[in-house]
Amino acid sequence: MGKKNFKILIVDDEEHFLLLLSNILIEEGYVVKAADRGERALQILENFNADMVITDLKMPDMDGIQLMNIARTKYPDADFVVITAFATVESAVDAMKKGAVDYITKPLKDLDELRITVARIFEKRKLLQENITLKNEQTDSLPPVELIFSGIDKVYEEVKAVSPADTTVILYGETGTGKSLIARIIHVLSRRKGLFVTVNCAAIPGTLLESEFFGHEKGAFTGAVSSKKGKFELASDGTIFLDEISEMTVDLQAKLLRVLQEKCFERLGGLESITVDTRVIAATNRDLKKLVGEGSFREDLYYRLNVFPVSIPPLRERKEAIPVLVEYLADRLSRKLGKHVKSISEDTMKRLVSYPWPGNIRELENTIERAIILSKSSILEIQLPAIEVKSGVENLNIKSIEKKAIEDALNRAGGNRRVASEILGISLRALQYKIKEYDICES
């Protein structure tokens, strides 16, 4: 929202004062209309969707309170600022109790009083509009809910139950199971009007993560040329999603614990305590309780986060969801890539359902995208490592299949771990962990 889109109606029965206010605000770049009485103001409002109404309290035909009461029933989104004589400020206070957001005095002691009052309301509405737009964009980009929770009805029931509360939630699940999507669903189903803000704790070096969380003041460190809000501040009245929280340093865990307990923090280099109302959703692919026993994760933070745990099963344990996911992903990705995939061969679908998917949904999506890029037919064929299936039950060792999938990805990537992690649809850190776990030799 720019000033040229911000509409202001000024109502005052003193012509010279009405003209003065109008000229000041037109010079500031706002869209301004004027009315010399309450009835005329109501007529203008029928065709002028005002963002703000500035009205005198004392007028002959209808006073400012009456005008505000009538107008707010039809135009509830408009902000009202009242004009009062300098000697009767108490009447303005009464008007604010009845719904006005601010007041100015007549005569104006300082022209900047009007400019500052209007600018403050304009900036607040501009920020609110930006937040609404961002939240709508976040919601519009989500896949259908029934797709996200396909094969995991129990998880959906838990999510629906906890979403309206402000309870801290932690999502447990392997990499690629859709934890970030489920976190966004919790936010969308909540009553929170603020933003959904994501921080990947594994992707940001520990030295920078504190600034990312809490922001910094100008000069707090080399390169801090201006003040910056942190993610907790940006997510106030909204939700912050802390992905891969197990990768956070112990020192920063202590500072996070304070925010969860006291709802306040200081920016780096700052002295002022900032209070926020930010809901926390965390996620991890590791066993936090085990990490507590090893001493790498604080026990008190674990209990603060583990208020409402939600476990998300891996894709190999929700095989009935695979055909639904495949059809959705194939349709979306073929349109994105400008291809014309009409169907998936029966043999391919059997292979996709039988495969254990160590990278879960993310690996499935990457596999389908690669196949569509290479496809020269409207019927999609995907080659995967052969898996023996007997009587509908996998006759395999999951770990050996997972190891083989990693080895194949490394071979396809020419030994480049980052490329291999993208092929598998898992993080580089997770791949490195698996390579060490399975003692995979790299040529």
Protein backbone atom coordinates (compact mmCIF):
# COMPACT_ATOMS: atom_id res chain seq x y z
CA MET A 1 0.00 0.00 0.00
CA GLY A 2 1.40 3.40 -1.04
CA LYS A 3 0.26 6.86 0.03
CA LYS A 4 -1.44 7.34 -3.34
CA ASN A 5 -3.76 4.46 -2.38
CA PHE A 6 -4.40 5.62 1.18
CA LYS A 7 -7.76 7.41 1.33
CA ILE A 8 -8.57 10.01 3.98
CA LEU A 9 -11.88 11.79 4.62
CA ILE A 10 -11.71 15.00 6.67
CA VAL A 11 -14.87 16.31 8.34
CA ASP A 12 -15.04 19.77 9.94
CA ASP A 13 -17.56 22.60 9.81
CA GLU A 14 -14.85 25.31 9.90
CA GLU A 15 -13.96 25.90 6.26
CA HIS A 16 -10.48 27.37 6.81
CA PHE A 17 -9.42 24.50 9.10
CA LEU A 18 -10.85 21.94 6.70
CA LEU A 19 -8.88 23.50 3.86
CA LEU A 20 -5.68 23.61 5.93
CA LEU A 21 -5.81 19.93 6.85
CA SER A 22 -6.73 18.90 3.31
CA ASN A 23 -3.81 20.82 1.76
CA ILE A 24 -1.28 19.41 4.23
CA LEU A 25 -2.29 15.81 3.59
CA ILE A 26 -2.57 16.24 -0.20
CA GLU A 27 1.00 17.60 -0.18
CA GLU A 28 2.03 14.47 1.75
CA GLY A 29 0.73 12.35 -1.13
CA TYR A 30 -2.49 10.95 0.34
CA VAL A 31 -5.86 10.78 -1.43
CA VAL A 32 -8.05 13.30 0.39
CA LYS A 33 -11.74 14.26 0.35
CA ALA A 34 -13.44 16.82 2.59
CA ALA A 35 -16.92 17.29 4.09
CA ASP A 36 -18.24 20.26 6.06
CA ARG A 37 -20.85 18.26 8.02
CA GLY A 38 -21.65 14.70 9.14
CA GLU A 39 -24.45 13.98 6.67
CA ARG A 40 -22.24 15.00 3.75
CA ALA A 41 -19.46 12.75 5.12
CA LEU A 42 -21.78 9.72 5.10
CA GLN A 43 -22.75 10.46 1.48
CA ILE A 44 -19.08 10.62 0.44
CA LEU A 45 -18.29 7.35 2.24
CA GLU A 46 -20.81 5.49 0.07
CA ASN A 47 -18.47 5.83 -2.90
CA PHE A 48 -15.17 6.60 -1.17
CA ASN A 49 -13.72 3.62 0.70
CA ALA A 50 -11.81 5.66 3.27
CA ASP A 51 -8.94 4.11 5.19
CA MET A 52 -9.08 6.96 7.71
CA VAL A 53 -11.70 9.47 8.81
CA ILE A 54 -10.55 12.63 10.61
CA THR A 55 -13.57 14.28 12.19
CA ASP A 56 -14.25 17.23 14.45
CA LEU A 57 -16.07 16.31 17.65
CA LYS A 58 -18.23 19.46 17.70
CA MET A 59 -20.43 20.00 14.62
CA PRO A 60 -23.96 21.39 14.36
CA ASP A 61 -25.87 18.61 12.57
CA MET A 62 -24.07 15.54 13.88
CA ASP A 63 -21.15 15.37 16.30
CA GLY A 64 -18.02 13.31 15.68
CA ILE A 65 -19.04 10.48 18.02
CA GLN A 66 -22.39 10.05 16.24
CA LEU A 67 -20.65 10.08 12.85
CA MET A 68 -18.14 7.49 14.03
CA ASN A 69 -20.84 5.20 15.43
CA ILE A 70 -22.90 5.30 12.22
CA ALA A 71 -19.93 4.99 9.86
CA ARG A 72 -18.28 2.12 11.73
CA THR A 73 -21.33 -0.11 11.24
CA LYS A 74 -20.91 0.17 7.46
CA TYR A 75 -17.16 0.73 7.22
CA PRO A 76 -15.61 -1.21 10.13
CA ASP A 77 -12.09 -1.18 8.66
CA ALA A 78 -11.74 2.63 8.69
CA ASP A 79 -9.58 4.23 11.40
CA PHE A 80 -11.04 7.30 13.12
CA VAL A 81 -9.04 10.28 14.38
CA VAL A 82 -10.96 12.99 16.23
CA ILE A 83 -10.35 16.75 16.33
CA THR A 84 -10.90 18.46 19.64
CA ALA A 85 -10.39 21.92 21.05
CA PHE A 86 -7.17 22.24 23.03
CA ALA A 87 -9.07 23.02 26.23
CA THR A 88 -11.25 19.86 26.04
CA VAL A 89 -8.77 17.04 25.55
CA GLU A 90 -10.80 14.87 27.95
CA SER A 91 -13.51 14.61 25.25
CA ALA A 92 -10.94 13.12 22.88
CA VAL A 93 -9.96 10.54 25.50
CA ASP A 94 -13.63 9.61 25.78
CA ALA A 95 -13.82 9.28 21.98
CA MET A 96 -10.83 6.92 22.01
CA LYS A 97 -12.58 4.72 24.55
CA LYS A 98 -15.45 4.52 22.04
CA GLY A 99 -13.23 3.47 19.12
CA ALA A 100 -11.13 6.38 17.84
CA VAL A 101 -7.44 5.48 17.38
CA ASP A 102 -6.00 8.96 18.03
CA TYR A 103 -6.78 12.67 18.25
CA ILE A 104 -5.40 16.06 17.20
CA THR A 105 -6.07 19.42 18.79
CA LYS A 106 -7.57 22.55 17.28
CA PRO A 107 -5.92 24.92 16.59
CA LEU A 108 -2.85 22.96 15.46
CA LYS A 109 0.11 23.88 17.63
CA ASP A 110 2.45 22.30 15.11
CA LEU A 111 1.68 21.17 11.54
CA ASP A 112 3.87 18.13 12.12
CA GLU A 113 1.37 16.92 14.72
CA LEU A 114 -1.05 16.08 11.92
CA ARG A 115 1.63 14.62 9.63
CA ILE A 116 3.04 12.36 12.36
CA THR A 117 -0.37 11.15 13.52
CA VAL A 118 -1.49 10.22 10.01
CA ALA A 119 1.90 8.69 9.08
CA ARG A 120 1.83 6.45 12.14
CA ILE A 121 -1.60 5.06 11.24
CA PHE A 122 -0.64 4.73 7.57
CA GLU A 123 2.51 2.71 8.43
CA LYS A 124 0.55 0.46 10.78
CA ARG A 125 -2.08 -0.28 8.12
CA LYS A 126 0.60 -0.76 5.48
CA LEU A 127 2.38 -3.34 7.65
CA LEU A 128 -0.91 -5.09 8.42
CA GLN A 129 -1.73 -5.30 4.71
CA GLU A 130 1.72 -6.67 3.91
CA ASN A 131 1.31 -9.30 6.62
CA ILE A 132 -2.10 -10.33 5.27
CA THR A 133 -0.68 -10.56 1.74
CA LEU A 134 2.27 -12.66 2.89
CA LYS A 135 0.05 -14.97 4.92
CA ASN A 136 -2.28 -15.44 1.92
CA GLU A 137 0.70 -16.22 -0.28
CA GLN A 138 1.92 -18.76 2.25
CA THR A 139 -1.52 -20.39 2.39
CA ASP A 140 -2.08 -20.35 -1.38
CA SER A 141 1.21 -22.17 -2.01
CA LEU A 142 0.26 -25.14 0.19
CA PRO A 143 -0.74 -28.47 -1.37
CA PRO A 144 -4.23 -29.76 -0.47
CA VAL A 145 -4.55 -30.76 3.19
CA GLU A 146 -5.87 -34.21 2.30
CA LEU A 147 -2.69 -34.79 0.28
CA ILE A 148 -0.31 -33.67 3.05
CA PHE A 149 -1.97 -36.00 5.56
CA SER A 150 -2.67 -38.90 3.21
CA GLY A 151 -2.09 -42.13 5.11
CA ILE A 152 -1.52 -40.34 8.43
CA ASP A 153 -5.02 -39.58 9.73
CA LYS A 154 -3.83 -39.74 13.36
CA VAL A 155 -1.32 -36.95 12.70
CA TYR A 156 -4.06 -34.81 11.13
CA GLU A 157 -6.29 -35.25 14.18
CA GLU A 158 -3.41 -34.18 16.45
CA VAL A 159 -2.68 -31.14 14.26
CA LYS A 160 -6.32 -30.04 14.24
CA ALA A 161 -6.47 -30.36 18.02
CA VAL A 162 -3.31 -28.37 18.80
CA SER A 163 -3.47 -25.68 16.10
CA PRO A 164 -5.92 -23.26 17.81
CA ALA A 165 -3.86 -23.29 21.02
CA ASP A 166 -0.62 -21.38 21.55
CA THR A 167 1.07 -24.58 22.70
CA THR A 168 4.66 -25.23 21.62
CA VAL A 169 4.80 -28.13 19.16
CA ILE A 170 7.74 -30.32 18.13
CA LEU A 171 7.60 -32.43 14.98
CA TYR A 172 9.65 -35.63 14.87
CA GLY A 173 10.35 -37.38 11.60
CA GLU A 174 12.97 -38.38 9.08
CA THR A 175 14.27 -35.84 6.60
CA GLY A 176 11.80 -35.23 3.79
CA THR A 177 8.63 -36.40 5.59
CA GLY A 178 6.92 -33.00 5.24
CA LYS A 179 7.56 -31.48 8.66
CA SER A 180 7.78 -27.92 7.30
CA LEU A 181 4.45 -28.30 5.46
CA ILE A 182 2.75 -29.59 8.60
CA ALA A 183 4.20 -26.69 10.61
CA ARG A 184 2.66 -24.27 8.09
CA ILE A 185 -0.69 -26.04 8.35
CA ILE A 186 -0.61 -25.62 12.15
CA HIS A 187 -0.01 -21.89 11.65
CA VAL A 188 -2.78 -21.53 9.07
CA LEU A 189 -5.27 -23.33 11.34
CA SER A 190 -4.26 -21.22 14.34
CA ARG A 191 -5.82 -17.94 15.44
CA ARG A 192 -2.57 -16.07 14.86
CA LYS A 193 -2.62 -13.07 12.53
CA GLY A 194 1.16 -12.63 12.18
CA LEU A 195 3.65 -14.25 9.84
CA PHE A 196 4.96 -17.79 9.56
CA VAL A 197 8.76 -17.46 9.70
CA THR A 198 11.19 -20.34 9.10
CA VAL A 199 14.75 -20.73 10.41
CA ASN A 200 16.83 -23.76 9.41
CA CYS A 201 19.17 -24.15 12.37
CA ALA A 202 21.49 -26.44 10.41
CA ALA A 203 21.88 -24.11 7.44
CA ILE A 204 23.13 -21.05 9.36
CA PRO A 205 26.53 -21.04 11.13
CA GLY A 206 26.24 -20.91 14.91
CA THR A 207 28.00 -17.54 15.02
CA LEU A 208 25.29 -15.99 12.85
CA LEU A 209 22.27 -17.86 14.20
CA GLU A 210 21.92 -15.64 17.28
CA SER A 211 21.66 -12.53 15.07
CA GLU A 212 19.21 -14.39 12.85
CA PHE A 213 17.05 -15.20 15.87
CA PHE A 214 17.18 -11.93 17.78
CA GLY A 215 18.45 -9.29 15.34
CA HIS A 216 21.18 -6.76 16.03
CA GLU A 217 21.80 -3.07 16.56
CA LYS A 218 23.96 -0.91 14.33
CA GLY A 219 27.65 -1.50 15.12
CA ALA A 220 27.02 -4.70 17.09
CA PHE A 221 29.70 -6.44 14.99
CA THR A 222 31.77 -5.82 11.90
CA GLY A 223 29.41 -5.37 8.96
CA ALA A 224 26.39 -4.39 11.08
CA VAL A 225 25.89 -1.07 9.29
CA SER A 226 22.26 -0.74 10.42
CA SER A 227 19.83 -2.21 12.92
CA LYS A 228 18.00 -5.39 11.91
CA LYS A 229 15.00 -7.19 13.37
CA GLY A 230 15.44 -10.88 14.15
CA LYS A 231 13.13 -13.70 13.13
CA PHE A 232 11.48 -13.88 16.57
CA GLU A 233 10.55 -10.21 16.31
CA LEU A 234 9.28 -10.61 12.74
CA ALA A 235 7.12 -13.54 13.83
CA SER A 236 5.49 -11.75 16.78
CA ASP A 237 1.75 -12.56 16.83
CA GLY A 238 2.66 -15.30 14.38
CA THR A 239 4.71 -18.51 14.34
CA ILE A 240 8.41 -19.26 14.11
CA PHE A 241 9.39 -22.68 12.76
CA LEU A 242 12.78 -23.89 14.02
CA ASP A 243 13.81 -26.68 11.65
CA GLU A 244 16.61 -29.10 12.56
CA ILE A 245 16.69 -27.70 16.10
CA SER A 246 19.02 -30.47 17.26
CA GLU A 247 21.86 -28.73 15.38
CA MET A 248 21.73 -25.63 17.60
CA THR A 249 24.76 -24.94 19.82
CA VAL A 250 24.35 -25.41 23.59
CA ASP A 251 25.07 -21.69 24.21
CA LEU A 252 22.25 -20.63 21.90
CA GLN A 253 19.95 -23.26 23.41
CA ALA A 254 20.17 -21.34 26.71
CA LYS A 255 19.11 -18.10 25.00
CA LEU A 256 16.25 -19.84 23.23
CA LEU A 257 15.10 -21.26 26.55
CA ARG A 258 14.85 -17.73 27.96
CA VAL A 259 12.64 -16.60 25.07
CA LEU A 260 10.33 -19.58 25.60
CA GLN A 261 10.12 -18.87 29.33
CA GLU A 262 9.99 -15.07 29.43
CA LYS A 263 8.85 -14.09 25.89
CA CYS A 264 11.61 -11.45 25.70
CA PHE A 265 15.18 -10.95 24.48
CA GLU A 266 17.70 -8.25 23.53
CA ARG A 267 19.10 -7.68 20.07
CA LEU A 268 22.82 -8.24 19.68
CA GLY A 269 24.54 -5.06 20.86
CA GLY A 270 21.30 -3.74 22.35
CA LEU A 271 20.19 -3.02 25.90
CA GLU A 272 16.43 -2.69 25.40
CA SER A 273 14.39 -5.79 26.25
CA ILE A 274 11.99 -6.68 23.42
CA THR A 275 8.80 -8.57 24.30
CA VAL A 276 7.22 -10.82 21.67
CA ASP A 277 4.19 -13.08 21.38
CA THR A 278 5.64 -15.71 19.09
CA ARG A 279 4.49 -19.32 18.90
CA VAL A 280 7.29 -21.85 18.47
CA ILE A 281 7.10 -24.98 16.34
CA ALA A 282 10.31 -27.02 16.23
CA ALA A 283 11.32 -30.00 14.13
CA THR A 284 14.07 -32.60 14.21
CA ASN A 285 15.03 -35.86 12.51
CA ARG A 286 16.95 -36.99 15.59
CA ASP A 287 16.07 -38.39 19.02
CA LEU A 288 16.29 -35.35 21.31
CA LYS A 289 16.00 -37.44 24.47
CA LYS A 290 19.05 -39.42 23.39
CA LEU A 291 20.92 -36.18 22.71
CA VAL A 292 20.00 -34.99 26.21
CA GLY A 293 21.59 -38.16 27.61
CA GLU A 294 24.71 -37.50 25.55
CA GLY A 295 24.92 -33.93 26.87
CA SER A 296 24.56 -32.19 23.50
CA PHE A 297 21.03 -30.92 24.12
CA ARG A 298 19.76 -29.13 27.24
CA GLU A 299 17.27 -31.13 29.27
CA ASP A 300 15.32 -28.05 30.36
CA LEU A 301 14.96 -26.91 26.73
CA TYR A 302 13.90 -30.40 25.70
CA TYR A 303 10.99 -30.31 28.17
CA ARG A 304 10.04 -26.77 27.06
CA LEU A 305 9.86 -27.92 23.43
CA ASN A 306 8.36 -31.35 24.01
CA VAL A 307 4.98 -30.04 25.24
CA PHE A 308 3.07 -31.45 22.26
CA PRO A 309 5.17 -33.93 20.25
CA VAL A 310 3.93 -35.10 16.86
CA SER A 311 5.61 -38.05 15.15
CA ILE A 312 5.43 -38.16 11.35
CA PRO A 313 5.90 -41.65 9.88
CA PRO A 314 8.35 -42.18 6.99
CA LEU A 315 6.93 -42.71 3.52
CA ARG A 316 7.73 -46.45 3.59
CA GLU A 317 5.22 -46.78 6.45
CA ARG A 318 2.41 -45.01 4.58
CA LYS A 319 2.55 -46.79 1.24
CA GLU A 320 -1.15 -46.24 0.55
CA ALA A 321 -0.32 -42.54 0.18
CA ILE A 322 2.31 -43.06 -2.52
CA PRO A 323 -0.03 -43.37 -5.57
CA VAL A 324 -1.90 -40.22 -4.47
CA LEU A 325 1.36 -38.30 -3.98
CA VAL A 326 2.79 -39.54 -7.28
CA GLU A 327 -0.23 -38.41 -9.30
CA TYR A 328 -0.27 -34.99 -7.64
CA LEU A 329 3.48 -34.45 -8.06
CA ALA A 330 3.51 -35.70 -11.65
CA ASP A 331 0.68 -33.35 -12.60
CA ARG A 332 2.18 -30.31 -10.81
CA LEU A 333 5.74 -30.88 -12.03
CA SER A 334 4.75 -31.64 -15.62
CA ARG A 335 2.87 -28.32 -15.80
CA LYS A 336 5.79 -26.52 -14.16
CA LEU A 337 8.25 -28.03 -16.66
CA GLY A 338 6.00 -27.57 -19.69
CA LYS A 339 5.67 -31.32 -20.29
CA HIS A 340 2.56 -33.37 -21.08
CA VAL A 341 2.60 -36.40 -18.79
CA LYS A 342 -0.86 -37.96 -18.92
CA SER A 343 -0.35 -41.10 -16.88
CA ILE A 344 2.13 -43.30 -15.03
CA SER A 345 2.73 -46.86 -16.18
CA GLU A 346 1.43 -49.63 -13.93
CA ASP A 347 4.90 -51.15 -13.59
CA THR A 348 6.35 -47.79 -12.56
CA MET A 349 3.68 -47.28 -9.90
CA LYS A 350 4.40 -50.74 -8.44
CA ARG A 351 8.08 -49.90 -8.23
CA LEU A 352 7.40 -46.53 -6.60
CA VAL A 353 5.14 -48.15 -3.98
CA SER A 354 7.69 -50.89 -3.23
CA TYR A 355 10.73 -48.64 -2.95
CA PRO A 356 11.68 -47.68 0.68
CA TRP A 357 12.39 -43.97 -0.04
CA PRO A 358 15.21 -43.10 2.39
CA GLY A 359 14.70 -39.43 1.44
CA ASN A 360 10.91 -39.78 1.83
CA ILE A 361 8.58 -37.34 0.00
CA ARG A 362 11.43 -35.02 -0.95
CA GLU A 363 13.28 -37.87 -2.69
CA LEU A 364 10.04 -38.97 -4.37
CA GLU A 365 9.50 -35.45 -5.71
CA ASN A 366 13.08 -35.18 -6.99
CA THR A 367 12.83 -38.60 -8.66
CA ILE A 368 9.60 -37.68 -10.44
CA GLU A 369 10.97 -34.29 -11.54
CA ARG A 370 14.10 -35.90 -13.03
CA ALA A 371 12.00 -38.55 -14.82
CA ILE A 372 9.69 -35.91 -16.31
CA ILE A 373 12.65 -33.89 -17.59
CA LEU A 374 14.07 -36.97 -19.32
CA SER A 375 10.72 -38.36 -20.50
CA LYS A 376 9.89 -38.40 -24.21
CA SER A 377 6.47 -39.95 -23.75
CA SER A 378 3.15 -38.93 -22.22
CA ILE A 379 3.31 -42.12 -20.12
CA LEU A 380 5.87 -41.72 -17.34
CA GLU A 381 8.40 -44.51 -16.76
CA ILE A 382 10.77 -44.40 -13.79
CA GLN A 383 13.63 -46.82 -13.20
CA LEU A 384 14.50 -47.62 -9.60
CA PRO A 385 16.76 -50.21 -7.94
CA ALA A 386 14.97 -53.57 -8.08
CA ILE A 387 13.27 -54.68 -4.87
CA GLU A 388 12.01 -58.19 -4.41
CA VAL A 389 8.38 -58.19 -3.30
CA LYS A 390 6.73 -61.29 -1.94
CA SER A 391 3.01 -61.63 -1.08
CA GLY A 392 2.67 -57.87 -0.91
CA VAL A 393 5.27 -57.64 1.85
CA GLU A 394 8.76 -56.24 1.26
CA ASN A 395 11.31 -59.02 1.49
CA LEU A 396 14.25 -56.72 2.14
CA ASN A 397 16.51 -55.17 4.66
CA ILE A 398 15.65 -51.45 4.85
CA LYS A 399 19.13 -50.45 5.90
CA SER A 400 20.79 -52.34 3.05
CA ILE A 401 18.41 -50.79 0.53
CA GLU A 402 19.04 -47.34 2.02
CA LYS A 403 22.80 -47.92 1.83
CA LYS A 404 22.48 -49.06 -1.80
CA ALA A 405 20.38 -45.97 -2.67
CA ILE A 406 23.06 -43.70 -1.19
CA GLU A 407 25.84 -45.50 -3.03
CA ASP A 408 23.90 -45.24 -6.32
CA ALA A 409 23.30 -41.51 -5.75
CA LEU A 410 27.00 -40.92 -5.03
CA ASN A 411 27.93 -42.78 -8.22
CA ARG A 412 25.44 -40.74 -10.27
CA ALA A 413 26.81 -37.56 -8.71
CA GLY A 414 30.41 -38.49 -9.48
CA GLY A 415 31.19 -38.56 -5.76
CA ASN A 416 29.85 -35.03 -5.13
CA ARG A 417 28.06 -35.27 -1.79
CA ARG A 418 26.01 -32.11 -2.27
CA VAL A 419 24.66 -33.30 -5.64
CA ALA A 420 23.99 -36.76 -4.17
CA SER A 421 22.01 -35.21 -1.31
CA GLU A 422 19.87 -33.33 -3.85
CA ILE A 423 19.25 -36.55 -5.80
CA LEU A 424 18.13 -38.28 -2.60
CA GLY A 425 16.14 -35.29 -1.39
CA ILE A 426 17.90 -35.12 1.96
CA SER A 427 20.12 -32.48 3.54
CA LEU A 428 23.89 -32.63 3.08
CA ARG A 429 24.26 -33.02 6.83
CA ALA A 430 21.88 -36.01 6.84
CA LEU A 431 23.77 -37.61 3.95
CA GLN A 432 27.10 -37.19 5.74
CA TYR A 433 25.58 -38.79 8.84
CA LYS A 434 24.33 -41.77 6.77
CA ILE A 435 27.68 -42.21 5.01
CA LYS A 436 29.37 -42.45 8.39
CA GLU A 437 26.63 -44.70 9.84
CA TYR A 438 26.84 -47.20 6.97
CA ASP A 439 30.63 -46.89 6.59
CA ILE A 440 30.24 -46.17 2.86
CA CYS A 441 33.51 -46.08 0.95
CA GLU A 442 33.67 -43.28 -1.61
CA SER A 443 35.84 -43.73 -4.68
